[in-house]
Amino acid sequence: MEKQSDELLRIRSVRSTVAAGFRLYIGNFRRILKYTWLPALICAIVSALYNHIAITNYPQMMAAQNITAKGGLSQAMSMWLAQSGISMLNLVVSLLFISYGFSLLSRHRLEGAIPYPTAWRSRPDIRAFVRTVASAIVWIVVAIVGFGLPIGIMVWGVLKMSFTTIGLGTLLYIVVLALTLPLVYPNMHYVTSRDTRLFSILWPGYRSGLRHWGYMFAVLFVTLIVTLLALVITTLPSIVLMTANMKAQAGALTGDALGMPGYMTWMSLFVFLLAGFIQCYVVLMLHFPAYYMAGSIEKQEQERNEKATSTLY
C-alpha cells in the first residue's frame, strides 16, 4: 500500500477544493512547465497541423462531395482519411501530455509536493501514460454506450421535425450525463495513484462518487466555468483566423481571388501553434481541482468506513 500525503487527504468545501487546486497549479507552474514543455510543444505542433489541414481541405472536401464523378468522390475520401489520421495522432499526443500532468500529481500524492525536474527534458512516465489511456478508453466506451441512444433520438427528432422527440432525447441525455458524473472520482483516483487497478476501483468508486454527487457537481461546474472562459480567451484569435482562411479558400474554389497575403500560411501556423501550446496548459489546469476533489471524497469515505467498523464492534 502506497503512502499518501496529508496535503491531499483532507475534507474540503467546494470553495476550498477549487482554490487548493488552482493554487497548486499556479504556485508550481514553473515546475510544471519545465516538466511538460516538450509534450506540450509536440501536442501544439500536431494541433496546428490539424487546424491548417482543416482550413485548406474542408472547402475542397465539400466541393468534391458535390461532384458525382468517381474522381471527385475519391478525392473527398482521401481528404477525410487524412483528416481522420491527424485527428487520431492529435488524440494520442494529447493523452501523452495529460499523462505528464497525472505523473506529477501522483508524485504529489506520495510526497506532498510537485517535484522540480533536474533535466532540460523529462522522459515520459510509461505507467502514467498507460493509466491515462485506460481511463480514456473507459470514457470513450461510456460515451458510445451511454450517449449513443439519446443522441440518436435527438437526431431522429430533428429529421422528423418532432419537438417531442427532441425534448425526450435531450432529457435522456441530461439523465445519462448526471449518471456518468460519479465516474470522475474513480478515474481521477486511478490515474493519480500507483497501487490501484481500474476494474477493482471502478464500481466501488462509482458508488462513492454517487454519494458525493452534489459536491462533485459543484466543484466541476465552477472549474469548468473558469476553464472555458480561459479557453475562449486563448482560442478566439485562432478561431477568427481559421474562419477568415476557410472563407477565402471557399471563395477561391468558386473563382474569386484568394485575397490573402503570401505570408498568411506561416502566420496561421504560428498562431495555431501558440494557441495550441497555451490551451494545453489551460486544459491541464482543469485536473488540479478534480485531484483535490477526489482526495476529499477519499478521506470522507475512509472516515465513513472507520465509523461503520467502530459501530459494529
Protein backbone atom coordinates (compact mmCIF):
# COMPACT_ATOMS: atom_id res chain seq x y z
CA MET A 1 0.00 0.00 0.00
CA GLU A 2 1.48 3.33 -1.04
CA LYS A 3 1.93 6.16 1.41
CA GLN A 4 -0.28 9.16 0.90
CA SER A 5 0.29 12.83 1.55
CA ASP A 6 -1.67 14.56 4.28
CA GLU A 7 -1.88 17.53 1.90
CA LEU A 8 -4.28 15.60 -0.33
CA LEU A 9 -6.42 13.64 2.13
CA ARG A 10 -8.35 16.45 3.77
CA ILE A 11 -12.05 17.13 3.86
CA ARG A 12 -12.58 20.38 1.97
CA SER A 13 -15.51 22.54 1.00
CA VAL A 14 -16.26 23.31 -2.64
CA ARG A 15 -14.58 26.71 -2.43
CA SER A 16 -11.55 25.30 -0.60
CA THR A 17 -11.19 22.46 -3.12
CA VAL A 18 -11.24 24.73 -6.17
CA ALA A 19 -8.90 27.23 -4.51
CA ALA A 20 -6.45 24.50 -3.46
CA GLY A 21 -6.37 23.05 -6.98
CA PHE A 22 -5.71 26.36 -8.72
CA ARG A 23 -3.21 27.36 -6.02
CA LEU A 24 -1.25 24.12 -6.52
CA TYR A 25 -1.23 24.66 -10.28
CA ILE A 26 -0.33 28.35 -10.32
CA GLY A 27 2.16 28.09 -7.45
CA ASN A 28 4.08 25.30 -9.21
CA PHE A 29 3.59 26.43 -12.80
CA ARG A 30 7.31 26.88 -13.49
CA ARG A 31 8.00 23.31 -12.38
CA ILE A 32 5.03 22.01 -14.36
CA LEU A 33 6.15 23.93 -17.45
CA LYS A 34 9.72 22.66 -17.22
CA TYR A 35 8.49 19.09 -16.83
CA THR A 36 5.86 19.16 -19.58
CA TRP A 37 7.05 21.68 -22.19
CA LEU A 38 8.23 19.05 -24.70
CA PRO A 39 4.98 17.03 -24.92
CA ALA A 40 3.06 20.32 -24.88
CA LEU A 41 5.11 21.52 -27.86
CA ILE A 42 4.51 18.25 -29.72
CA CYS A 43 0.80 18.49 -28.95
CA ALA A 44 0.73 22.10 -30.17
CA ILE A 45 2.54 21.21 -33.43
CA VAL A 46 0.07 18.40 -34.20
CA SER A 47 -2.86 20.66 -33.31
CA ALA A 48 -1.50 23.42 -35.59
CA LEU A 49 -1.11 20.97 -38.47
CA TYR A 50 -4.63 19.67 -37.87
CA ASN A 51 -6.11 23.19 -37.99
CA HIS A 52 -4.03 24.10 -41.04
CA ILE A 53 -5.17 21.00 -42.92
CA ALA A 54 -8.76 21.69 -41.86
CA ILE A 55 -8.85 25.23 -43.27
CA THR A 56 -7.26 24.17 -46.56
CA ASN A 57 -9.01 20.83 -47.11
CA TYR A 58 -12.51 21.42 -45.76
CA PRO A 59 -13.76 23.66 -48.62
CA GLN A 60 -12.24 21.25 -51.13
CA MET A 61 -13.89 18.26 -49.41
CA MET A 62 -17.28 19.96 -49.54
CA ALA A 63 -16.78 20.78 -53.24
CA ALA A 64 -15.59 17.27 -54.07
CA GLN A 65 -18.60 15.69 -52.37
CA ASN A 66 -20.88 17.65 -54.72
CA ILE A 67 -19.16 16.14 -57.73
CA THR A 68 -20.80 12.91 -58.84
CA ALA A 69 -17.76 11.82 -60.80
CA LYS A 70 -15.72 8.99 -59.32
CA GLY A 71 -12.60 11.17 -59.16
CA GLY A 72 -14.31 13.80 -57.04
CA LEU A 73 -15.61 11.25 -54.53
CA SER A 74 -12.20 9.60 -54.36
CA GLN A 75 -10.57 12.95 -53.65
CA ALA A 76 -13.06 13.69 -50.87
CA MET A 77 -12.45 10.25 -49.33
CA SER A 78 -8.68 10.76 -49.38
CA MET A 79 -9.05 14.11 -47.62
CA TRP A 80 -11.37 12.65 -44.98
CA LEU A 81 -8.88 9.82 -44.32
CA ALA A 82 -6.03 12.30 -43.95
CA GLN A 83 -8.11 14.38 -41.55
CA SER A 84 -9.04 11.27 -39.54
CA GLY A 85 -5.41 10.21 -39.32
CA ILE A 86 -4.22 13.56 -37.98
CA SER A 87 -7.17 13.52 -35.55
CA MET A 88 -6.05 10.18 -34.11
CA LEU A 89 -2.49 11.45 -33.82
CA ASN A 90 -3.80 14.55 -32.06
CA LEU A 91 -5.65 12.34 -29.56
CA VAL A 92 -2.56 10.25 -28.83
CA VAL A 93 -0.24 13.21 -28.22
CA SER A 94 -2.94 14.91 -26.11
CA LEU A 95 -3.15 11.83 -23.89
CA LEU A 96 0.65 11.80 -23.67
CA PHE A 97 0.68 15.40 -22.47
CA ILE A 98 -2.09 14.81 -19.92
CA SER A 99 -0.22 11.75 -18.62
CA TYR A 100 2.71 14.03 -17.74
CA GLY A 101 0.34 16.05 -15.56
CA PHE A 102 -1.03 12.91 -13.91
CA SER A 103 2.53 11.76 -13.28
CA LEU A 104 3.22 14.99 -11.37
CA LEU A 105 0.00 14.61 -9.39
CA SER A 106 0.90 11.03 -8.47
CA ARG A 107 4.26 12.29 -7.16
CA HIS A 108 2.44 14.99 -5.20
CA ARG A 109 0.14 12.31 -3.79
CA LEU A 110 3.16 10.42 -2.46
CA GLU A 111 5.45 13.26 -1.43
CA GLY A 112 3.12 16.21 -0.79
CA ALA A 113 4.93 18.44 -3.31
CA ILE A 114 5.42 18.85 -7.06
CA PRO A 115 8.99 17.69 -7.78
CA TYR A 116 11.40 20.04 -9.52
CA PRO A 117 12.81 18.44 -12.70
CA THR A 118 16.58 18.43 -12.91
CA ALA A 119 16.94 17.72 -16.66
CA TRP A 120 16.04 20.07 -19.51
CA ARG A 121 13.54 17.49 -20.72
CA SER A 122 11.66 14.78 -18.87
CA ARG A 123 11.10 11.25 -20.04
CA PRO A 124 7.51 10.04 -20.33
CA ASP A 125 6.11 8.13 -17.37
CA ILE A 126 5.02 4.90 -19.09
CA ARG A 127 2.83 3.78 -16.20
CA ALA A 128 1.06 7.14 -16.08
CA PHE A 129 0.55 7.05 -19.87
CA VAL A 130 -0.92 3.53 -19.76
CA ARG A 131 -3.28 4.54 -16.97
CA THR A 132 -4.28 7.67 -18.88
CA VAL A 133 -5.06 5.63 -22.00
CA ALA A 134 -7.04 3.07 -19.96
CA SER A 135 -9.07 5.86 -18.36
CA ALA A 136 -9.68 7.45 -21.77
CA ILE A 137 -10.94 4.10 -23.13
CA VAL A 138 -13.42 3.90 -20.25
CA TRP A 139 -14.75 7.37 -21.08
CA ILE A 140 -14.96 6.56 -24.80
CA VAL A 141 -16.92 3.36 -24.09
CA VAL A 142 -19.23 5.22 -21.70
CA ALA A 143 -19.76 7.96 -24.29
CA ILE A 144 -20.62 5.47 -27.05
CA VAL A 145 -22.85 3.23 -24.93
CA GLY A 146 -24.44 5.86 -22.72
CA PHE A 147 -24.88 8.79 -25.08
CA GLY A 148 -25.49 6.89 -28.32
CA LEU A 149 -29.21 6.38 -27.65
CA PRO A 150 -30.13 9.94 -26.58
CA ILE A 151 -28.12 11.46 -29.44
CA GLY A 152 -29.81 9.07 -31.87
CA ILE A 153 -33.23 10.08 -30.53
CA MET A 154 -32.39 13.79 -30.90
CA VAL A 155 -31.16 13.29 -34.49
CA TRP A 156 -34.31 11.33 -35.32
CA GLY A 157 -36.41 14.12 -33.84
CA VAL A 158 -34.60 16.72 -35.96
CA LEU A 159 -35.11 14.66 -39.13
CA LYS A 160 -38.79 14.17 -38.35
CA MET A 161 -39.22 17.75 -37.08
CA SER A 162 -40.71 16.36 -33.87
CA PHE A 163 -40.11 18.65 -30.88
CA THR A 164 -41.45 15.98 -28.52
CA THR A 165 -38.82 13.51 -29.70
CA ILE A 166 -36.10 16.15 -29.47
CA GLY A 167 -37.18 17.00 -25.93
CA LEU A 168 -37.22 13.33 -24.93
CA GLY A 169 -33.73 12.82 -26.32
CA THR A 170 -32.47 15.95 -24.56
CA LEU A 171 -33.97 14.83 -21.24
CA LEU A 172 -32.44 11.37 -21.61
CA TYR A 173 -29.08 12.98 -22.46
CA ILE A 174 -29.17 15.05 -19.24
CA VAL A 175 -30.05 11.95 -17.18
CA VAL A 176 -27.15 9.96 -18.66
CA LEU A 177 -24.81 12.91 -18.10
CA ALA A 178 -25.84 13.07 -14.45
CA LEU A 179 -25.31 9.32 -14.04
CA THR A 180 -21.82 9.44 -15.56
CA LEU A 181 -20.63 12.28 -13.29
CA PRO A 182 -19.65 9.96 -10.36
CA LEU A 183 -17.20 8.17 -12.69
CA VAL A 184 -14.88 11.17 -12.36
CA TYR A 185 -13.89 10.10 -8.84
CA PRO A 186 -12.64 6.53 -9.53
CA ASN A 187 -10.95 7.62 -12.76
CA MET A 188 -9.18 10.52 -11.04
CA HIS A 189 -8.10 8.26 -8.20
CA TYR A 190 -6.82 5.67 -10.68
CA VAL A 191 -4.69 7.99 -12.83
CA THR A 192 -3.06 9.70 -9.82
CA SER A 193 -2.17 6.56 -7.85
CA ARG A 194 0.09 3.58 -8.45
CA ASP A 195 -1.37 0.72 -6.40
CA THR A 196 -4.94 0.59 -7.75
CA ARG A 197 -6.45 -1.46 -10.54
CA LEU A 198 -9.03 0.11 -12.78
CA PHE A 199 -11.75 -2.53 -12.70
CA SER A 200 -11.36 -3.18 -8.97
CA ILE A 201 -11.89 0.50 -8.15
CA LEU A 202 -14.40 1.43 -10.85
CA TRP A 203 -17.67 0.21 -9.30
CA PRO A 204 -16.83 0.91 -5.62
CA GLY A 205 -15.51 4.31 -6.66
CA TYR A 206 -18.64 5.00 -8.68
CA ARG A 207 -20.82 4.30 -5.63
CA SER A 208 -18.64 6.60 -3.53
CA GLY A 209 -18.91 9.31 -6.16
CA LEU A 210 -22.67 8.83 -6.26
CA ARG A 211 -22.86 9.54 -2.53
CA HIS A 212 -21.00 12.82 -3.09
CA TRP A 213 -22.76 13.77 -6.33
CA GLY A 214 -23.66 17.31 -5.25
CA TYR A 215 -20.14 18.09 -4.06
CA MET A 216 -18.62 16.76 -7.28
CA PHE A 217 -21.08 18.69 -9.44
CA ALA A 218 -20.35 21.97 -7.66
CA VAL A 219 -16.55 21.58 -7.88
CA LEU A 220 -16.55 20.53 -11.53
CA PHE A 221 -19.08 23.19 -12.53
CA VAL A 222 -17.00 26.02 -11.06
CA THR A 223 -13.80 24.58 -12.52
CA LEU A 224 -15.34 24.16 -15.97
CA ILE A 225 -16.62 27.74 -15.99
CA VAL A 226 -13.14 29.10 -15.22
CA THR A 227 -11.50 26.77 -17.74
CA LEU A 228 -13.98 27.54 -20.52
CA LEU A 229 -13.50 31.28 -20.03
CA ALA A 230 -9.74 30.84 -20.31
CA LEU A 231 -10.16 28.63 -23.40
CA VAL A 232 -12.41 31.18 -25.10
CA ILE A 233 -9.89 33.96 -24.49
CA THR A 234 -6.95 31.91 -25.78
CA THR A 235 -8.85 30.35 -28.69
CA LEU A 236 -10.55 33.48 -30.06
CA PRO A 237 -7.63 34.71 -32.25
CA SER A 238 -7.18 31.29 -33.84
CA ILE A 239 -10.94 30.97 -34.45
CA VAL A 240 -11.03 34.34 -36.22
CA LEU A 241 -8.02 33.40 -38.32
CA MET A 242 -9.45 29.98 -39.14
CA THR A 243 -12.79 31.47 -40.21
CA ALA A 244 -11.08 34.03 -42.47
CA ASN A 245 -8.91 31.36 -44.10
CA MET A 246 -11.81 28.98 -44.69
CA LYS A 247 -13.92 31.73 -46.29
CA ALA A 248 -11.01 32.71 -48.51
CA GLN A 249 -10.41 29.08 -49.56
CA ALA A 250 -14.13 28.55 -50.24
CA GLY A 251 -14.23 31.72 -52.35
CA ALA A 252 -11.17 30.62 -54.32
CA LEU A 253 -12.96 27.38 -55.29
CA THR A 254 -15.73 29.42 -56.91
CA GLY A 255 -13.28 31.53 -58.91
CA ASP A 256 -12.83 34.50 -56.58
CA ALA A 257 -9.40 35.89 -55.77
CA LEU A 258 -7.85 34.37 -52.68
CA GLY A 259 -7.36 37.81 -51.18
CA MET A 260 -4.84 36.57 -48.60
CA PRO A 261 -1.19 37.69 -48.39
CA GLY A 262 1.52 35.15 -49.13
CA TYR A 263 2.75 35.03 -45.54
CA MET A 264 -0.73 34.11 -44.22
CA THR A 265 0.06 30.37 -44.29
CA TRP A 266 3.07 30.73 -42.00
CA MET A 267 1.30 33.22 -39.78
CA SER A 268 -1.64 30.85 -39.43
CA LEU A 269 0.64 28.01 -38.44
CA PHE A 270 2.37 30.21 -35.85
CA VAL A 271 -0.94 31.42 -34.36
CA PHE A 272 -2.31 27.86 -34.20
CA LEU A 273 0.94 26.65 -32.64
CA LEU A 274 0.96 29.35 -29.97
CA ALA A 275 -2.75 28.91 -29.22
CA GLY A 276 -2.37 25.13 -29.02
CA PHE A 277 0.57 25.41 -26.62
CA ILE A 278 -1.35 27.74 -24.30
CA GLN A 279 -4.51 25.65 -24.49
CA CYS A 280 -2.59 22.58 -23.34
CA TYR A 281 -1.92 24.25 -20.00
CA VAL A 282 -5.44 25.63 -19.74
CA VAL A 283 -6.85 22.10 -20.11
CA LEU A 284 -4.26 20.69 -17.70
CA MET A 285 -5.39 23.21 -15.07
CA LEU A 286 -8.81 21.54 -15.07
CA HIS A 287 -7.44 18.39 -13.43
CA PHE A 288 -5.95 20.01 -10.32
CA PRO A 289 -9.22 20.91 -8.53
CA ALA A 290 -10.53 17.46 -9.55
CA TYR A 291 -7.45 15.93 -7.92
CA TYR A 292 -8.24 17.61 -4.58
CA MET A 293 -11.91 16.76 -5.01
CA ALA A 294 -11.01 13.07 -5.29
CA GLY A 295 -8.76 13.36 -2.23
CA SER A 296 -11.54 14.92 -0.18
CA ILE A 297 -14.01 12.19 -1.19
CA GLU A 298 -11.42 9.52 -0.40
CA LYS A 299 -10.89 10.98 3.09
CA GLN A 300 -14.64 11.16 3.74
CA GLU A 301 -15.04 7.55 2.63
CA GLN A 302 -12.21 6.47 4.93
CA GLU A 303 -13.87 8.14 7.91
CA ARG A 304 -17.22 6.68 6.90
CA ASN A 305 -15.77 3.14 6.81
CA GLU A 306 -13.95 3.63 10.12
CA LYS A 307 -17.16 4.84 11.74
CA ALA A 308 -19.10 1.88 10.36
CA THR A 309 -16.42 -0.53 11.63
CA SER A 310 -16.36 1.00 15.11
CA THR A 311 -20.15 0.80 15.26
CA LEU A 312 -20.05 -2.94 14.54
CA TYR A 313 -17.56 -3.57 17.33
